[in-house]
């Protein structure tokens, strides 16, 4: 058998970027018959094609999470806090998909009243010795009075 002439190269396999163009030929000029030898080689040939000046799709990717917002309650339970992130590392372009998942998250927060101010009292006379016989220690007696005000603090 013998190969036919090569056909024309087809269109590029991609619409943007690097692809390939293919052409074909057939073992038909003449085709092998009556025990004849098949054609040697390939019936296809490809070349690289590059389509420049087009916009390639870019998939969006998440940036980092922001810090947590303040609790929605100023005191007590049942509050919520939130954090956000942006689909900007990079942002989607050229038809690429946006980031999967949520751009916000939230969590429960509790604001409890914690003492502000206060402090140890100045101390009074020395207390009783820590032992009844031998060497011991005596310390001034001090108290921690409750403060006059309290301040809400997130826990």
C-alpha atoms as a PDB file:
ATOM      1  CA  UNK A   1       0.000   0.000   0.000  1.00  0.00           C
ATOM      2  CA  UNK A   2       0.894   3.626  -0.349  1.00  0.00           C
ATOM      3  CA  UNK A   3      -0.214   6.774   1.444  1.00  0.00           C
ATOM      4  CA  UNK A   4      -2.525   9.336  -0.085  1.00  0.00           C
ATOM      5  CA  UNK A   5      -1.499  13.000   0.005  1.00  0.00           C
ATOM      6  CA  UNK A   6      -1.750  14.799   3.348  1.00  0.00           C
ATOM      7  CA  UNK A   7      -4.969  16.676   3.954  1.00  0.00           C
ATOM      8  CA  UNK A   8      -4.987  20.287   5.189  1.00  0.00           C
ATOM      9  CA  UNK A   9      -4.343  21.064   8.839  1.00  0.00           C
ATOM     10  CA  UNK A  10      -7.538  21.477  10.832  1.00  0.00           C
ATOM     11  CA  UNK A  11      -8.401  24.297  13.216  1.00  0.00           C
ATOM     12  CA  UNK A  12      -6.478  24.835  16.437  1.00  0.00           C
ATOM     13  CA  UNK A  13      -7.733  22.590  19.255  1.00  0.00           C
ATOM     14  CA  UNK A  14      -8.114  25.550  21.644  1.00  0.00           C
ATOM     15  CA  UNK A  15      -9.689  28.985  21.369  1.00  0.00           C
ATOM     16  CA  UNK A  16      -7.031  30.597  23.548  1.00  0.00           C
ATOM     17  CA  UNK A  17      -3.448  29.701  24.452  1.00  0.00           C
ATOM     18  CA  UNK A  18      -1.434  26.718  23.169  1.00  0.00           C
ATOM     19  CA  UNK A  19      -3.061  23.818  21.319  1.00  0.00           C
ATOM     20  CA  UNK A  20      -2.511  21.661  18.236  1.00  0.00           C
ATOM     21  CA  UNK A  21      -3.596  21.384  14.592  1.00  0.00           C
ATOM     22  CA  UNK A  22      -3.865  17.964  12.978  1.00  0.00           C
ATOM     23  CA  UNK A  23      -3.890  16.659   9.402  1.00  0.00           C
ATOM     24  CA  UNK A  24      -4.525  13.142   8.111  1.00  0.00           C
ATOM     25  CA  UNK A  25      -3.745  10.816   5.185  1.00  0.00           C
ATOM     26  CA  UNK A  26      -5.008   7.363   4.287  1.00  0.00           C
ATOM     27  CA  UNK A  27      -3.283   4.177   3.145  1.00  0.00           C
ATOM     28  CA  UNK A  28      -5.314   4.094  -0.068  1.00  0.00           C
ATOM     29  CA  UNK A  29      -3.088   5.064  -3.008  1.00  0.00           C
ATOM     30  CA  UNK A  30      -3.302   2.092  -3.545  1.00  0.00           C
ATOM     31  CA  UNK A  31      -4.622   0.246  -0.495  1.00  0.00           C
ATOM     32  CA  UNK A  32      -2.777  -2.998   0.272  1.00  0.00           C
ATOM     33  CA  UNK A  33      -4.465  -5.996  -1.402  1.00  0.00           C
ATOM     34  CA  UNK A  34      -3.821  -9.700  -1.962  1.00  0.00           C
ATOM     35  CA  UNK A  35      -1.277  -9.910   0.885  1.00  0.00           C
ATOM     36  CA  UNK A  36       0.326  -6.563   0.091  1.00  0.00           C
ATOM     37  CA  UNK A  37       2.264  -4.675   2.764  1.00  0.00           C
ATOM     38  CA  UNK A  38       0.402  -2.004   4.821  1.00  0.00           C
ATOM     39  CA  UNK A  39       1.635   1.572   4.670  1.00  0.00           C
ATOM     40  CA  UNK A  40       4.572   2.384   6.975  1.00  0.00           C
ATOM     41  CA  UNK A  41       4.227   5.276   9.438  1.00  0.00           C
ATOM     42  CA  UNK A  42       1.340   7.254  10.867  1.00  0.00           C
ATOM     43  CA  UNK A  43      -1.807   8.466   9.236  1.00  0.00           C
ATOM     44  CA  UNK A  44      -1.868  11.656  11.372  1.00  0.00           C
ATOM     45  CA  UNK A  45       0.487  14.590  11.855  1.00  0.00           C
ATOM     46  CA  UNK A  46       0.141  17.445  14.389  1.00  0.00           C
ATOM     47  CA  UNK A  47       1.743  20.847  14.843  1.00  0.00           C
ATOM     48  CA  UNK A  48       1.563  23.265  17.774  1.00  0.00           C
ATOM     49  CA  UNK A  49      -0.639  26.330  17.461  1.00  0.00           C
ATOM     50  CA  UNK A  50      -0.664  29.376  19.735  1.00  0.00           C
ATOM     51  CA  UNK A  51      -3.592  31.768  19.876  1.00  0.00           C
ATOM     52  CA  UNK A  52      -2.291  34.925  21.531  1.00  0.00           C
ATOM     53  CA  UNK A  53      -4.091  38.080  22.603  1.00  0.00           C
ATOM     54  CA  UNK A  54      -6.849  36.250  24.397  1.00  0.00           C
ATOM     55  CA  UNK A  55      -7.842  36.286  28.052  1.00  0.00           C
ATOM     56  CA  UNK A  56      -7.196  33.027  29.876  1.00  0.00           C
ATOM     57  CA  UNK A  57      -9.642  32.129  32.653  1.00  0.00           C
ATOM     58  CA  UNK A  58      -8.316  32.673  36.176  1.00  0.00           C
ATOM     59  CA  UNK A  59      -9.942  30.852  39.102  1.00  0.00           C
ATOM     60  CA  UNK A  60     -10.721  32.999  42.127  1.00  0.00           C
ATOM     61  CA  UNK A  61      -8.961  32.222  45.420  1.00  0.00           C
ATOM     62  CA  UNK A  62      -9.794  33.385  48.962  1.00  0.00           C
ATOM     63  CA  UNK A  63      -7.739  35.987  50.805  1.00  0.00           C
ATOM     64  CA  UNK A  64      -7.193  35.662  54.551  1.00  0.00           C
ATOM     65  CA  UNK A  65      -9.913  35.990  57.175  1.00  0.00           C
ATOM     66  CA  UNK A  66     -10.409  39.349  58.860  1.00  0.00           C
ATOM     67  CA  UNK A  67     -10.228  39.612  62.625  1.00  0.00           C
ATOM     68  CA  UNK A  68     -13.390  38.886  64.588  1.00  0.00           C
ATOM     69  CA  UNK A  69     -15.918  41.698  64.913  1.00  0.00           C
ATOM     70  CA  UNK A  70     -17.090  42.926  68.306  1.00  0.00           C
ATOM     71  CA  UNK A  71     -19.692  40.764  70.001  1.00  0.00           C
ATOM     72  CA  UNK A  72     -23.269  41.745  69.121  1.00  0.00           C
ATOM     73  CA  UNK A  73     -24.175  41.791  72.844  1.00  0.00           C
ATOM     74  CA  UNK A  74     -22.606  44.139  75.369  1.00  0.00           C
ATOM     75  CA  UNK A  75     -23.266  41.832  78.296  1.00  0.00           C
ATOM     76  CA  UNK A  76     -24.449  38.272  78.791  1.00  0.00           C
ATOM     77  CA  UNK A  77     -24.976  35.331  76.477  1.00  0.00           C
ATOM     78  CA  UNK A  78     -26.546  34.965  73.037  1.00  0.00           C
ATOM     79  CA  UNK A  79     -24.177  37.268  71.179  1.00  0.00           C
ATOM     80  CA  UNK A  80     -22.539  36.622  67.792  1.00  0.00           C
ATOM     81  CA  UNK A  81     -19.240  37.728  66.299  1.00  0.00           C
ATOM     82  CA  UNK A  82     -18.241  37.559  62.617  1.00  0.00           C
ATOM     83  CA  UNK A  83     -15.204  37.406  60.350  1.00  0.00           C
ATOM     84  CA  UNK A  84     -15.053  37.995  56.597  1.00  0.00           C
ATOM     85  CA  UNK A  85     -12.771  37.204  53.667  1.00  0.00           C
ATOM     86  CA  UNK A  86     -12.643  38.370  50.054  1.00  0.00           C
ATOM     87  CA  UNK A  87     -12.288  36.377  46.839  1.00  0.00           C
ATOM     88  CA  UNK A  88      -9.305  38.462  45.743  1.00  0.00           C
ATOM     89  CA  UNK A  89      -6.130  36.347  45.860  1.00  0.00           C
ATOM     90  CA  UNK A  90      -6.589  36.466  42.882  1.00  0.00           C
ATOM     91  CA  UNK A  91     -10.101  37.458  41.988  1.00  0.00           C
ATOM     92  CA  UNK A  92     -11.770  35.473  39.188  1.00  0.00           C
ATOM     93  CA  UNK A  93     -11.296  36.820  35.672  1.00  0.00           C
ATOM     94  CA  UNK A  94     -11.646  35.778  32.041  1.00  0.00           C
ATOM     95  CA  UNK A  95     -14.607  33.557  32.851  1.00  0.00           C
ATOM     96  CA  UNK A  96     -12.834  31.681  35.659  1.00  0.00           C
ATOM     97  CA  UNK A  97     -15.006  30.497  38.555  1.00  0.00           C
ATOM     98  CA  UNK A  98     -15.489  32.449  41.742  1.00  0.00           C
ATOM     99  CA  UNK A  99     -14.255  31.140  45.087  1.00  0.00           C
ATOM    100  CA  UNK A 100     -16.144  28.182  46.570  1.00  0.00           C
ATOM    101  CA  UNK A 101     -17.619  28.457  50.039  1.00  0.00           C
ATOM    102  CA  UNK A 102     -18.799  31.365  52.176  1.00  0.00           C
ATOM    103  CA  UNK A 103     -17.215  34.794  52.526  1.00  0.00           C
ATOM    104  CA  UNK A 104     -18.376  35.155  56.138  1.00  0.00           C
ATOM    105  CA  UNK A 105     -18.294  33.013  59.257  1.00  0.00           C
ATOM    106  CA  UNK A 106     -19.792  33.608  62.664  1.00  0.00           C
ATOM    107  CA  UNK A 107     -19.414  32.252  66.168  1.00  0.00           C
ATOM    108  CA  UNK A 108     -21.153  32.550  69.505  1.00  0.00           C
ATOM    109  CA  UNK A 109     -19.663  35.069  71.933  1.00  0.00           C
ATOM    110  CA  UNK A 110     -20.359  35.816  75.589  1.00  0.00           C
ATOM    111  CA  UNK A 111     -19.817  39.121  77.347  1.00  0.00           C
ATOM    112  CA  UNK A 112     -19.342  38.726  81.072  1.00  0.00           C
ATOM    113  CA  UNK A 113     -18.951  41.438  83.693  1.00  0.00           C
ATOM    114  CA  UNK A 114     -15.418  41.367  85.109  1.00  0.00           C
ATOM    115  CA  UNK A 115     -14.219  43.540  87.975  1.00  0.00           C
ATOM    116  CA  UNK A 116     -12.406  46.728  87.175  1.00  0.00           C
ATOM    117  CA  UNK A 117     -10.371  48.601  89.715  1.00  0.00           C
ATOM    118  CA  UNK A 118     -10.263  47.323  93.263  1.00  0.00           C
ATOM    119  CA  UNK A 119      -7.079  46.000  94.738  1.00  0.00           C
ATOM    120  CA  UNK A 120      -5.650  44.665  97.933  1.00  0.00           C
ATOM    121  CA  UNK A 121      -6.328  46.582 101.073  1.00  0.00           C
ATOM    122  CA  UNK A 122      -3.312  48.261 102.651  1.00  0.00           C
ATOM    123  CA  UNK A 123      -3.037  45.519 105.243  1.00  0.00           C
ATOM    124  CA  UNK A 124      -3.732  45.538 108.925  1.00  0.00           C
ATOM    125  CA  UNK A 125      -1.752  44.312 111.851  1.00  0.00           C
ATOM    126  CA  UNK A 126       0.144  41.094 111.536  1.00  0.00           C
ATOM    127  CA  UNK A 127      -1.934  37.963 111.847  1.00  0.00           C
ATOM    128  CA  UNK A 128      -1.349  34.951 114.059  1.00  0.00           C
ATOM    129  CA  UNK A 129       1.886  32.952 113.704  1.00  0.00           C
ATOM    130  CA  UNK A 130       1.567  29.953 111.392  1.00  0.00           C
ATOM    131  CA  UNK A 131       2.922  27.498 114.018  1.00  0.00           C
ATOM    132  CA  UNK A 132       2.486  27.117 117.768  1.00  0.00           C
ATOM    133  CA  UNK A 133       6.042  25.949 118.372  1.00  0.00           C
ATOM    134  CA  UNK A 134       9.336  26.645 116.551  1.00  0.00           C
ATOM    135  CA  UNK A 135       9.867  28.945 113.535  1.00  0.00           C
ATOM    136  CA  UNK A 136       6.818  30.189 111.644  1.00  0.00           C
ATOM    137  CA  UNK A 137       5.619  33.192 109.713  1.00  0.00           C
ATOM    138  CA  UNK A 138       3.211  36.040 110.221  1.00  0.00           C
ATOM    139  CA  UNK A 139       1.798  38.136 107.417  1.00  0.00           C
ATOM    140  CA  UNK A 140      -0.330  41.259 107.362  1.00  0.00           C
ATOM    141  CA  UNK A 141      -3.993  40.493 106.883  1.00  0.00           C
ATOM    142  CA  UNK A 142      -5.267  41.971 103.615  1.00  0.00           C
ATOM    143  CA  UNK A 143      -8.526  41.632 101.721  1.00  0.00           C
ATOM    144  CA  UNK A 144      -9.590  42.069  98.111  1.00  0.00           C
ATOM    145  CA  UNK A 145     -12.632  44.321  98.262  1.00  0.00           C
ATOM    146  CA  UNK A 146     -15.123  44.149  95.418  1.00  0.00           C
ATOM    147  CA  UNK A 147     -14.800  47.153  93.067  1.00  0.00           C
ATOM    148  CA  UNK A 148     -17.420  49.840  92.849  1.00  0.00           C
ATOM    149  CA  UNK A 149     -17.780  49.356  89.039  1.00  0.00           C
ATOM    150  CA  UNK A 150     -17.553  46.496  86.598  1.00  0.00           C
ATOM    151  CA  UNK A 151     -16.630  46.394  82.914  1.00  0.00           C
ATOM    152  CA  UNK A 152     -17.966  43.915  80.300  1.00  0.00           C
ATOM    153  CA  UNK A 153     -15.238  41.746  78.812  1.00  0.00           C
ATOM    154  CA  UNK A 154     -15.489  39.214  75.973  1.00  0.00           C
ATOM    155  CA  UNK A 155     -14.654  35.660  76.886  1.00  0.00           C
END
